[in-house]
Amino acid sequence: MNKLIVIVGPSGVGKTTLARALCQKRDFAIAYEQHKERPFQALFKQDPKYALANQLDYLLFRAEQERELRNGNLPALMDGGLDLDFHGFTRLFHAHGWINDAEFDLCRRFYEHTRSLLPPPDLIISLSIAEETISQRLAARNRINIATSEDTAAFNSFVADWLDSIPASHLLHLDVSGESSNYSKSVQIILDRLK
């Protein structure tokens, strides 16, 4: 079974950019969030009644990606992932009232059961950056943003609760505030950690 590395952090922190930079330096099988391809993402952005469908679709989709990556021939890399979708986005949706308590519990049960069937990531790379930078990046994006810059503090708090339960041997925190556009410092730190 292949090793799985996930890159986590709030929307706009640079997960996808870092994943692409890593792939330029080493061969990884990679899985992205695929916002445009998800059937409920645009619907939810227009109407919160699709929040539960959107979350269950993402949790299932990310679990399917993990299983496929684990069974492949290359070390696996994901931007975001199953755990981030539950601990970050599902908790954020619940905090906003977009999913009620019973719907949140349904997502929790699905997540916990699925995680019991799939091994957790071998390495979690947690990215942080100034909230002002996140705000600027989200404003400049040409894609659906479910989380806004105003959600960053709450999102980070939810993710921090989860990361507190992760052993230090499986966790790498990186502040990418002063990072170049190709993430050269972070890429080298990660590749050194993977040796």
N, C-alpha and C. Protein backbone atom coordinates (compact mmCIF):
# COMPACT_ATOMS: atom_id res chain seq x y z
N MET A 1 0.85 -1.19 0.00
CA MET A 1 0.00 0.00 0.00
C MET A 1 0.89 1.24 0.00
N ASN A 2 0.60 2.17 -0.90
CA ASN A 2 1.39 3.39 -1.02
C ASN A 2 1.25 4.31 0.17
N LYS A 3 2.28 5.13 0.38
CA LYS A 3 2.19 6.18 1.39
C LYS A 3 1.28 7.29 0.86
N LEU A 4 0.56 7.92 1.78
CA LEU A 4 -0.34 9.03 1.43
C LEU A 4 0.09 10.27 2.19
N ILE A 5 0.32 11.35 1.45
CA ILE A 5 0.66 12.65 2.01
C ILE A 5 -0.47 13.60 1.66
N VAL A 6 -0.98 14.32 2.64
CA VAL A 6 -2.04 15.30 2.37
C VAL A 6 -1.56 16.69 2.77
N ILE A 7 -1.98 17.68 2.01
CA ILE A 7 -1.66 19.07 2.29
C ILE A 7 -2.95 19.74 2.73
N VAL A 8 -2.94 20.30 3.94
CA VAL A 8 -4.17 20.87 4.50
C VAL A 8 -3.96 22.33 4.87
N GLY A 9 -5.08 23.02 5.00
CA GLY A 9 -5.09 24.43 5.36
C GLY A 9 -6.33 25.07 4.78
N PRO A 10 -6.56 26.34 5.10
CA PRO A 10 -7.77 27.03 4.63
C PRO A 10 -7.73 27.28 3.13
N SER A 11 -8.88 27.56 2.57
CA SER A 11 -8.95 27.93 1.15
C SER A 11 -8.06 29.14 0.91
N GLY A 12 -7.26 29.07 -0.15
CA GLY A 12 -6.39 30.18 -0.52
C GLY A 12 -5.00 30.12 0.07
N VAL A 13 -4.69 29.11 0.88
CA VAL A 13 -3.38 29.03 1.52
C VAL A 13 -2.30 28.56 0.56
N GLY A 14 -2.69 27.86 -0.51
CA GLY A 14 -1.72 27.41 -1.50
C GLY A 14 -1.52 25.92 -1.56
N LYS A 15 -2.52 25.15 -1.17
CA LYS A 15 -2.40 23.68 -1.17
C LYS A 15 -2.12 23.14 -2.57
N THR A 16 -2.91 23.57 -3.54
CA THR A 16 -2.76 23.07 -4.90
C THR A 16 -1.44 23.51 -5.51
N THR A 17 -1.06 24.74 -5.27
CA THR A 17 0.22 25.25 -5.81
C THR A 17 1.39 24.46 -5.25
N LEU A 18 1.36 24.17 -3.95
CA LEU A 18 2.43 23.38 -3.35
C LEU A 18 2.44 21.96 -3.90
N ALA A 19 1.26 21.38 -4.05
CA ALA A 19 1.18 20.02 -4.60
C ALA A 19 1.80 19.97 -6.00
N ARG A 20 1.49 20.94 -6.82
CA ARG A 20 2.05 20.98 -8.18
C ARG A 20 3.57 21.17 -8.15
N ALA A 21 4.05 22.00 -7.22
CA ALA A 21 5.49 22.22 -7.10
C ALA A 21 6.20 20.94 -6.67
N LEU A 22 5.59 20.18 -5.77
CA LEU A 22 6.17 18.90 -5.34
C LEU A 22 6.24 17.92 -6.51
N CYS A 23 5.20 17.91 -7.34
CA CYS A 23 5.16 17.00 -8.48
C CYS A 23 6.21 17.34 -9.53
N GLN A 24 6.69 18.56 -9.56
CA GLN A 24 7.75 18.93 -10.49
C GLN A 24 9.11 18.42 -10.03
N LYS A 25 9.23 18.10 -8.75
CA LYS A 25 10.51 17.64 -8.19
C LYS A 25 10.57 16.13 -7.98
N ARG A 26 9.41 15.48 -7.91
CA ARG A 26 9.38 14.05 -7.64
C ARG A 26 8.09 13.47 -8.21
N ASP A 27 8.13 12.19 -8.56
CA ASP A 27 6.94 11.54 -9.10
C ASP A 27 5.97 11.18 -7.97
N PHE A 28 4.79 11.76 -8.05
CA PHE A 28 3.70 11.44 -7.13
C PHE A 28 2.45 11.13 -7.94
N ALA A 29 1.64 10.23 -7.44
CA ALA A 29 0.25 10.14 -7.92
C ALA A 29 -0.50 11.22 -7.15
N ILE A 30 -1.32 11.99 -7.83
CA ILE A 30 -1.94 13.15 -7.18
C ILE A 30 -3.43 13.18 -7.39
N ALA A 31 -4.14 13.72 -6.41
CA ALA A 31 -5.59 13.91 -6.50
C ALA A 31 -5.93 15.32 -6.04
N TYR A 32 -6.74 16.00 -6.84
CA TYR A 32 -7.15 17.37 -6.53
C TYR A 32 -8.63 17.41 -6.12
N GLU A 33 -9.05 18.57 -5.61
CA GLU A 33 -10.43 18.73 -5.15
C GLU A 33 -11.47 18.70 -6.28
N GLN A 34 -11.12 19.22 -7.43
CA GLN A 34 -11.99 19.21 -8.61
C GLN A 34 -13.33 19.91 -8.37
N HIS A 35 -13.27 21.18 -8.05
CA HIS A 35 -14.47 21.95 -7.73
C HIS A 35 -15.51 21.95 -8.86
N LYS A 36 -15.06 22.19 -10.08
CA LYS A 36 -16.01 22.30 -11.19
C LYS A 36 -16.71 20.98 -11.49
N GLU A 37 -16.02 19.86 -11.22
CA GLU A 37 -16.58 18.55 -11.55
C GLU A 37 -17.57 18.02 -10.52
N ARG A 38 -17.57 18.57 -9.32
CA ARG A 38 -18.45 18.06 -8.28
C ARG A 38 -19.89 18.53 -8.55
N PRO A 39 -20.86 17.62 -8.53
CA PRO A 39 -22.21 17.93 -8.99
C PRO A 39 -23.00 18.90 -8.11
N PHE A 40 -22.64 19.05 -6.83
CA PHE A 40 -23.44 19.89 -5.94
C PHE A 40 -22.75 21.19 -5.57
N GLN A 41 -21.52 21.38 -5.99
CA GLN A 41 -20.75 22.55 -5.57
C GLN A 41 -21.41 23.86 -6.03
N ALA A 42 -21.69 23.97 -7.32
CA ALA A 42 -22.31 25.20 -7.83
C ALA A 42 -23.73 25.35 -7.31
N LEU A 43 -24.44 24.24 -7.19
CA LEU A 43 -25.81 24.30 -6.65
C LEU A 43 -25.80 24.81 -5.22
N PHE A 44 -24.86 24.33 -4.41
CA PHE A 44 -24.79 24.78 -3.02
C PHE A 44 -24.43 26.26 -2.94
N LYS A 45 -23.54 26.71 -3.80
CA LYS A 45 -23.16 28.13 -3.79
C LYS A 45 -24.38 29.02 -4.03
N GLN A 46 -25.36 28.50 -4.83
CA GLN A 46 -26.58 29.24 -5.12
C GLN A 46 -27.65 29.06 -4.05
N ASP A 47 -27.67 27.88 -3.41
CA ASP A 47 -28.73 27.57 -2.46
C ASP A 47 -28.21 26.64 -1.36
N PRO A 48 -28.19 27.09 -0.10
CA PRO A 48 -27.65 26.28 1.00
C PRO A 48 -28.39 24.96 1.24
N LYS A 49 -29.57 24.75 0.62
CA LYS A 49 -30.27 23.48 0.83
C LYS A 49 -29.46 22.31 0.27
N TYR A 50 -28.46 22.59 -0.57
CA TYR A 50 -27.61 21.54 -1.13
C TYR A 50 -26.37 21.27 -0.27
N ALA A 51 -26.29 21.86 0.90
CA ALA A 51 -25.09 21.71 1.73
C ALA A 51 -24.82 20.26 2.10
N LEU A 52 -25.83 19.53 2.54
CA LEU A 52 -25.62 18.14 2.95
C LEU A 52 -25.19 17.29 1.75
N ALA A 53 -25.87 17.44 0.63
CA ALA A 53 -25.49 16.68 -0.57
C ALA A 53 -24.06 17.01 -0.98
N ASN A 54 -23.70 18.28 -0.91
CA ASN A 54 -22.34 18.69 -1.28
C ASN A 54 -21.31 18.03 -0.36
N GLN A 55 -21.57 18.04 0.94
CA GLN A 55 -20.61 17.47 1.88
C GLN A 55 -20.49 15.96 1.74
N LEU A 56 -21.60 15.27 1.63
CA LEU A 56 -21.53 13.81 1.48
C LEU A 56 -20.84 13.43 0.17
N ASP A 57 -21.11 14.19 -0.89
CA ASP A 57 -20.43 13.93 -2.16
C ASP A 57 -18.93 14.10 -2.00
N TYR A 58 -18.50 15.17 -1.35
CA TYR A 58 -17.07 15.40 -1.17
C TYR A 58 -16.43 14.34 -0.29
N LEU A 59 -17.08 13.97 0.81
CA LEU A 59 -16.51 12.94 1.69
C LEU A 59 -16.34 11.62 0.94
N LEU A 60 -17.36 11.25 0.17
CA LEU A 60 -17.27 10.02 -0.61
C LEU A 60 -16.21 10.13 -1.70
N PHE A 61 -16.19 11.23 -2.41
CA PHE A 61 -15.24 11.45 -3.48
C PHE A 61 -13.80 11.38 -2.97
N ARG A 62 -13.53 12.04 -1.84
CA ARG A 62 -12.18 12.05 -1.30
C ARG A 62 -11.78 10.66 -0.81
N ALA A 63 -12.73 9.90 -0.24
CA ALA A 63 -12.44 8.52 0.18
C ALA A 63 -12.12 7.65 -1.04
N GLU A 64 -12.88 7.84 -2.12
CA GLU A 64 -12.61 7.09 -3.36
C GLU A 64 -11.22 7.43 -3.90
N GLN A 65 -10.86 8.70 -3.86
CA GLN A 65 -9.53 9.11 -4.32
C GLN A 65 -8.44 8.46 -3.47
N GLU A 66 -8.63 8.48 -2.15
CA GLU A 66 -7.63 7.87 -1.26
C GLU A 66 -7.43 6.39 -1.58
N ARG A 67 -8.52 5.68 -1.72
CA ARG A 67 -8.42 4.24 -2.00
C ARG A 67 -7.66 4.00 -3.31
N GLU A 68 -7.98 4.77 -4.33
CA GLU A 68 -7.31 4.62 -5.62
C GLU A 68 -5.81 4.94 -5.51
N LEU A 69 -5.48 6.03 -4.81
CA LEU A 69 -4.08 6.42 -4.65
C LEU A 69 -3.30 5.37 -3.87
N ARG A 70 -3.89 4.84 -2.81
CA ARG A 70 -3.21 3.83 -1.99
C ARG A 70 -2.91 2.56 -2.79
N ASN A 71 -3.72 2.27 -3.78
CA ASN A 71 -3.55 1.05 -4.57
C ASN A 71 -2.70 1.26 -5.82
N GLY A 72 -2.18 2.48 -6.02
CA GLY A 72 -1.38 2.77 -7.20
C GLY A 72 0.08 2.37 -7.04
N ASN A 73 0.90 2.85 -7.96
CA ASN A 73 2.31 2.48 -8.00
C ASN A 73 3.26 3.56 -7.52
N LEU A 74 2.74 4.76 -7.21
CA LEU A 74 3.58 5.88 -6.80
C LEU A 74 3.16 6.40 -5.43
N PRO A 75 4.08 7.05 -4.70
CA PRO A 75 3.66 7.72 -3.47
C PRO A 75 2.52 8.69 -3.80
N ALA A 76 1.57 8.81 -2.89
CA ALA A 76 0.34 9.56 -3.18
C ALA A 76 0.33 10.91 -2.49
N LEU A 77 -0.24 11.90 -3.18
CA LEU A 77 -0.29 13.27 -2.69
C LEU A 77 -1.70 13.82 -2.95
N MET A 78 -2.27 14.46 -1.94
CA MET A 78 -3.60 15.08 -2.10
C MET A 78 -3.57 16.51 -1.59
N ASP A 79 -4.27 17.40 -2.31
CA ASP A 79 -4.52 18.73 -1.74
C ASP A 79 -5.86 18.65 -1.02
N GLY A 80 -5.83 18.92 0.27
CA GLY A 80 -7.05 18.74 1.08
C GLY A 80 -7.20 17.28 1.45
N GLY A 81 -8.38 16.74 1.27
CA GLY A 81 -8.58 15.32 1.54
C GLY A 81 -9.76 15.07 2.45
N LEU A 82 -9.99 13.81 2.71
CA LEU A 82 -11.13 13.35 3.50
C LEU A 82 -11.18 14.02 4.87
N ASP A 83 -10.06 14.02 5.58
CA ASP A 83 -10.04 14.57 6.93
C ASP A 83 -10.31 16.08 6.93
N LEU A 84 -9.69 16.79 6.00
CA LEU A 84 -9.91 18.23 5.93
C LEU A 84 -11.35 18.54 5.57
N ASP A 85 -11.94 17.75 4.67
CA ASP A 85 -13.32 18.00 4.30
C ASP A 85 -14.27 17.83 5.48
N PHE A 86 -13.97 16.84 6.35
CA PHE A 86 -14.83 16.69 7.52
C PHE A 86 -14.49 17.71 8.60
N HIS A 87 -13.25 17.72 9.07
CA HIS A 87 -12.89 18.55 10.22
C HIS A 87 -12.93 20.04 9.91
N GLY A 88 -12.67 20.41 8.67
CA GLY A 88 -12.72 21.81 8.29
C GLY A 88 -14.06 22.23 7.74
N PHE A 89 -14.41 21.68 6.57
CA PHE A 89 -15.59 22.17 5.86
C PHE A 89 -16.91 21.70 6.49
N THR A 90 -17.00 20.44 6.89
CA THR A 90 -18.27 19.99 7.47
C THR A 90 -18.55 20.73 8.78
N ARG A 91 -17.53 20.91 9.59
CA ARG A 91 -17.72 21.68 10.84
C ARG A 91 -18.07 23.14 10.53
N LEU A 92 -17.47 23.70 9.49
CA LEU A 92 -17.80 25.08 9.11
C LEU A 92 -19.25 25.18 8.65
N PHE A 93 -19.70 24.22 7.84
CA PHE A 93 -21.08 24.21 7.38
C PHE A 93 -22.04 24.13 8.57
N HIS A 94 -21.70 23.32 9.54
CA HIS A 94 -22.53 23.18 10.74
C HIS A 94 -22.55 24.49 11.53
N ALA A 95 -21.40 25.12 11.67
CA ALA A 95 -21.31 26.39 12.40
C ALA A 95 -22.15 27.48 11.73
N HIS A 96 -22.22 27.45 10.40
CA HIS A 96 -23.02 28.43 9.66
C HIS A 96 -24.52 28.10 9.68
N GLY A 97 -24.88 26.88 10.11
CA GLY A 97 -26.27 26.47 10.08
C GLY A 97 -26.71 25.94 8.73
N TRP A 98 -25.77 25.68 7.85
CA TRP A 98 -26.11 25.14 6.53
C TRP A 98 -26.45 23.66 6.61
N ILE A 99 -25.92 22.96 7.60
CA ILE A 99 -26.37 21.61 7.92
C ILE A 99 -26.77 21.61 9.39
N ASN A 100 -27.85 20.91 9.71
CA ASN A 100 -28.32 20.89 11.10
C ASN A 100 -27.59 19.81 11.89
N ASP A 101 -27.95 19.67 13.17
CA ASP A 101 -27.25 18.72 14.04
C ASP A 101 -27.34 17.29 13.52
N ALA A 102 -28.52 16.89 13.09
CA ALA A 102 -28.70 15.51 12.60
C ALA A 102 -27.90 15.28 11.33
N GLU A 103 -27.86 16.27 10.45
CA GLU A 103 -27.09 16.15 9.21
C GLU A 103 -25.59 16.11 9.50
N PHE A 104 -25.16 16.92 10.47
CA PHE A 104 -23.76 16.88 10.87
C PHE A 104 -23.40 15.51 11.42
N ASP A 105 -24.30 14.95 12.24
CA ASP A 105 -24.04 13.63 12.80
C ASP A 105 -23.96 12.57 11.71
N LEU A 106 -24.79 12.70 10.68
CA LEU A 106 -24.72 11.77 9.55
C LEU A 106 -23.35 11.86 8.86
N CYS A 107 -22.87 13.07 8.64
CA CYS A 107 -21.55 13.25 8.03
C CYS A 107 -20.46 12.68 8.95
N ARG A 108 -20.59 12.92 10.25
CA ARG A 108 -19.60 12.40 11.21
C ARG A 108 -19.56 10.88 11.17
N ARG A 109 -20.72 10.25 11.18
CA ARG A 109 -20.79 8.78 11.14
C ARG A 109 -20.17 8.25 9.86
N PHE A 110 -20.48 8.90 8.74
CA PHE A 110 -19.91 8.47 7.46
C PHE A 110 -18.39 8.62 7.49
N TYR A 111 -17.91 9.77 7.95
CA TYR A 111 -16.47 10.02 8.01
C TYR A 111 -15.77 9.00 8.91
N GLU A 112 -16.28 8.80 10.12
CA GLU A 112 -15.62 7.90 11.07
C GLU A 112 -15.62 6.46 10.56
N HIS A 113 -16.72 6.04 9.96
CA HIS A 113 -16.77 4.68 9.41
C HIS A 113 -15.78 4.54 8.25
N THR A 114 -15.76 5.51 7.37
CA THR A 114 -14.87 5.47 6.22
C THR A 114 -13.41 5.50 6.66
N ARG A 115 -13.09 6.35 7.63
CA ARG A 115 -11.71 6.42 8.10
C ARG A 115 -11.30 5.11 8.78
N SER A 116 -12.25 4.41 9.38
CA SER A 116 -11.92 3.11 10.00
C SER A 116 -11.57 2.06 8.95
N LEU A 117 -12.02 2.27 7.71
CA LEU A 117 -11.74 1.34 6.62
C LEU A 117 -10.51 1.72 5.82
N LEU A 118 -10.10 2.98 5.92
CA LEU A 118 -8.93 3.48 5.20
C LEU A 118 -7.89 3.94 6.21
N PRO A 119 -6.62 3.57 6.04
CA PRO A 119 -5.61 4.05 6.98
C PRO A 119 -5.46 5.56 6.90
N PRO A 120 -5.14 6.21 8.01
CA PRO A 120 -4.96 7.67 7.97
C PRO A 120 -3.74 8.03 7.15
N PRO A 121 -3.63 9.29 6.75
CA PRO A 121 -2.45 9.72 5.98
C PRO A 121 -1.16 9.44 6.74
N ASP A 122 -0.11 9.15 5.99
CA ASP A 122 1.21 8.92 6.59
C ASP A 122 1.87 10.22 7.00
N LEU A 123 1.58 11.30 6.26
CA LEU A 123 2.10 12.62 6.60
C LEU A 123 1.05 13.67 6.26
N ILE A 124 0.82 14.56 7.21
CA ILE A 124 -0.09 15.69 7.00
C ILE A 124 0.75 16.95 7.01
N ILE A 125 0.72 17.69 5.91
CA ILE A 125 1.44 18.95 5.80
C ILE A 125 0.42 20.07 6.00
N SER A 126 0.55 20.77 7.12
CA SER A 126 -0.40 21.83 7.47
C SER A 126 0.21 23.19 7.12
N LEU A 127 -0.46 23.91 6.22
CA LEU A 127 0.03 25.21 5.76
C LEU A 127 -0.68 26.35 6.48
N SER A 128 0.08 27.39 6.75
CA SER A 128 -0.51 28.62 7.30
C SER A 128 0.09 29.82 6.58
N ILE A 129 -0.68 30.89 6.58
CA ILE A 129 -0.27 32.14 5.92
C ILE A 129 -1.13 33.26 6.51
N ALA A 130 -0.73 34.49 6.33
CA ALA A 130 -1.48 35.62 6.86
C ALA A 130 -2.90 35.65 6.28
N GLU A 131 -3.88 35.96 7.13
CA GLU A 131 -5.27 36.00 6.67
C GLU A 131 -5.47 37.04 5.58
N GLU A 132 -4.72 38.13 5.60
CA GLU A 132 -4.84 39.15 4.56
C GLU A 132 -4.46 38.58 3.19
N THR A 133 -3.43 37.74 3.16
CA THR A 133 -3.01 37.11 1.91
C THR A 133 -4.10 36.17 1.40
N ILE A 134 -4.71 35.41 2.31
CA ILE A 134 -5.81 34.53 1.93
C ILE A 134 -6.95 35.33 1.33
N SER A 135 -7.29 36.44 1.96
CA SER A 135 -8.37 37.29 1.47
C SER A 135 -8.09 37.77 0.04
N GLN A 136 -6.86 38.20 -0.21
CA GLN A 136 -6.48 38.68 -1.54
C GLN A 136 -6.55 37.55 -2.57
N ARG A 137 -6.08 36.38 -2.19
CA ARG A 137 -6.09 35.25 -3.13
C ARG A 137 -7.50 34.81 -3.46
N LEU A 138 -8.36 34.74 -2.46
CA LEU A 138 -9.74 34.31 -2.71
C LEU A 138 -10.46 35.31 -3.60
N ALA A 139 -10.20 36.58 -3.41
CA ALA A 139 -10.84 37.62 -4.22
C ALA A 139 -10.40 37.54 -5.68
N ALA A 140 -9.18 37.07 -5.91
CA ALA A 140 -8.64 37.01 -7.27
C ALA A 140 -8.97 35.71 -7.99
N ARG A 141 -9.53 34.73 -7.29
CA ARG A 141 -9.79 33.42 -7.89
C ARG A 141 -10.93 33.45 -8.88
N ASN A 142 -10.79 32.61 -9.90
CA ASN A 142 -11.86 32.44 -10.87
C ASN A 142 -12.44 31.03 -10.71
N ARG A 143 -12.94 30.75 -9.51
CA ARG A 143 -13.56 29.46 -9.24
C ARG A 143 -14.51 29.60 -8.07
N ILE A 144 -15.31 28.59 -7.83
CA ILE A 144 -16.27 28.62 -6.74
C ILE A 144 -15.52 28.55 -5.42
N ASN A 145 -15.77 29.53 -4.55
CA ASN A 145 -15.20 29.51 -3.20
C ASN A 145 -16.34 29.34 -2.21
N ILE A 146 -16.39 28.19 -1.58
CA ILE A 146 -17.41 27.95 -0.56
C ILE A 146 -17.04 28.69 0.72
N ALA A 147 -15.79 28.53 1.16
CA ALA A 147 -15.31 29.24 2.34
C ALA A 147 -14.81 30.62 1.91
N THR A 148 -15.13 31.63 2.70
CA THR A 148 -14.69 32.99 2.41
C THR A 148 -13.54 33.36 3.34
N SER A 149 -12.93 34.51 3.09
CA SER A 149 -11.84 34.95 3.96
C SER A 149 -12.34 35.17 5.39
N GLU A 150 -13.62 35.53 5.55
CA GLU A 150 -14.19 35.71 6.88
C GLU A 150 -14.29 34.39 7.65
N ASP A 151 -14.24 33.27 6.93
CA ASP A 151 -14.32 31.95 7.56
C ASP A 151 -12.97 31.42 8.03
N THR A 152 -11.88 32.09 7.66
CA THR A 152 -10.55 31.53 7.87
C THR A 152 -10.26 31.23 9.34
N ALA A 153 -10.56 32.16 10.25
CA ALA A 153 -10.24 31.95 11.67
C ALA A 153 -11.00 30.75 12.22
N ALA A 154 -12.29 30.66 11.93
CA ALA A 154 -13.09 29.53 12.42
C ALA A 154 -12.60 28.23 11.80
N PHE A 155 -12.35 28.24 10.51
CA PHE A 155 -11.86 27.06 9.81
C PHE A 155 -10.55 26.59 10.43
N ASN A 156 -9.61 27.51 10.63
CA ASN A 156 -8.32 27.16 11.23
C ASN A 156 -8.50 26.57 12.63
N SER A 157 -9.44 27.09 13.38
CA SER A 157 -9.70 26.57 14.72
C SER A 157 -10.20 25.13 14.66
N PHE A 158 -11.13 24.85 13.74
CA PHE A 158 -11.64 23.48 13.58
C PHE A 158 -10.52 22.52 13.18
N VAL A 159 -9.70 22.95 12.23
CA VAL A 159 -8.61 22.09 11.75
C VAL A 159 -7.58 21.89 12.86
N ALA A 160 -7.30 22.93 13.64
CA ALA A 160 -6.34 22.81 14.74
C ALA A 160 -6.80 21.78 15.76
N ASP A 161 -8.11 21.73 16.02
CA ASP A 161 -8.65 20.72 16.95
C ASP A 161 -8.30 19.32 16.47
N TRP A 162 -8.46 19.08 15.17
CA TRP A 162 -8.12 17.78 14.59
C TRP A 162 -6.62 17.53 14.64
N LEU A 163 -5.82 18.51 14.22
CA LEU A 163 -4.38 18.33 14.16
C LEU A 163 -3.77 18.07 15.54
N ASP A 164 -4.41 18.57 16.59
CA ASP A 164 -3.93 18.32 17.96
C ASP A 164 -3.94 16.83 18.29
N SER A 165 -4.74 16.04 17.56
CA SER A 165 -4.83 14.60 17.83
C SER A 165 -3.84 13.79 16.99
N ILE A 166 -3.09 14.46 16.12
CA ILE A 166 -2.17 13.77 15.20
C ILE A 166 -0.78 13.67 15.85
N PRO A 167 -0.18 12.50 15.86
CA PRO A 167 1.19 12.38 16.39
C PRO A 167 2.16 13.27 15.61
N ALA A 168 3.13 13.85 16.32
CA ALA A 168 4.10 14.76 15.69
C ALA A 168 4.85 14.08 14.55
N SER A 169 5.03 12.76 14.64
CA SER A 169 5.75 12.03 13.59
C SER A 169 4.99 12.00 12.27
N HIS A 170 3.70 12.33 12.29
CA HIS A 170 2.87 12.32 11.08
C HIS A 170 2.43 13.73 10.66
N LEU A 171 3.06 14.74 11.24
CA LEU A 171 2.60 16.11 11.02
C LEU A 171 3.77 17.04 10.74
N LEU A 172 3.59 17.91 9.74
CA LEU A 172 4.59 18.93 9.41
C LEU A 172 3.86 20.26 9.25
N HIS A 173 4.15 21.22 10.11
CA HIS A 173 3.57 22.56 10.02
C HIS A 173 4.52 23.45 9.21
N LEU A 174 3.98 24.16 8.22
CA LEU A 174 4.77 25.08 7.42
C LEU A 174 4.06 26.43 7.32
N ASP A 175 4.75 27.49 7.73
CA ASP A 175 4.26 28.84 7.50
C ASP A 175 4.81 29.27 6.15
N VAL A 176 3.93 29.47 5.18
CA VAL A 176 4.37 29.77 3.81
C VAL A 176 4.24 31.26 3.49
N SER A 177 4.21 32.10 4.52
CA SER A 177 4.04 33.54 4.31
C SER A 177 5.14 34.15 3.45
N GLY A 178 6.39 33.75 3.66
CA GLY A 178 7.49 34.34 2.91
C GLY A 178 7.95 33.47 1.75
N GLU A 179 7.10 32.57 1.34
CA GLU A 179 7.48 31.58 0.32
C GLU A 179 7.44 32.19 -1.08
N SER A 180 8.34 31.71 -1.95
CA SER A 180 8.34 32.13 -3.36
C SER A 180 7.17 31.46 -4.09
N SER A 181 6.92 31.90 -5.31
CA SER A 181 5.78 31.38 -6.07
C SER A 181 5.92 29.90 -6.41
N ASN A 182 7.15 29.38 -6.41
CA ASN A 182 7.34 27.96 -6.70
C ASN A 182 7.53 27.12 -5.42
N TYR A 183 7.36 27.76 -4.28
CA TYR A 183 7.41 27.08 -2.97
C TYR A 183 8.72 26.32 -2.77
N SER A 184 9.83 26.88 -3.24
CA SER A 184 11.10 26.16 -3.22
C SER A 184 11.53 25.77 -1.81
N LYS A 185 11.37 26.65 -0.83
CA LYS A 185 11.77 26.31 0.55
C LYS A 185 10.93 25.18 1.10
N SER A 186 9.63 25.29 0.94
CA SER A 186 8.71 24.27 1.47
C SER A 186 8.92 22.94 0.78
N VAL A 187 9.11 22.96 -0.53
CA VAL A 187 9.33 21.72 -1.27
C VAL A 187 10.56 21.00 -0.73
N GLN A 188 11.65 21.75 -0.50
CA GLN A 188 12.87 21.12 0.00
C GLN A 188 12.67 20.54 1.40
N ILE A 189 11.97 21.28 2.26
CA ILE A 189 11.69 20.80 3.62
C ILE A 189 10.89 19.49 3.56
N ILE A 190 9.90 19.46 2.69
CA ILE A 190 9.06 18.26 2.57
C ILE A 190 9.84 17.08 2.02
N LEU A 191 10.61 17.32 0.96
CA LEU A 191 11.39 16.23 0.38
C LEU A 191 12.43 15.69 1.37
N ASP A 192 13.01 16.59 2.17
CA ASP A 192 13.95 16.13 3.21
C ASP A 192 13.22 15.28 4.25
N ARG A 193 12.01 15.66 4.59
CA ARG A 193 11.23 14.90 5.58
C ARG A 193 10.87 13.52 5.05
N LEU A 194 10.67 13.41 3.74
CA LEU A 194 10.26 12.14 3.14
C LEU A 194 11.41 11.18 2.93
N LYS A 195 12.64 11.63 3.10
CA LYS A 195 13.80 10.74 2.89
C LYS A 195 13.82 9.62 3.93
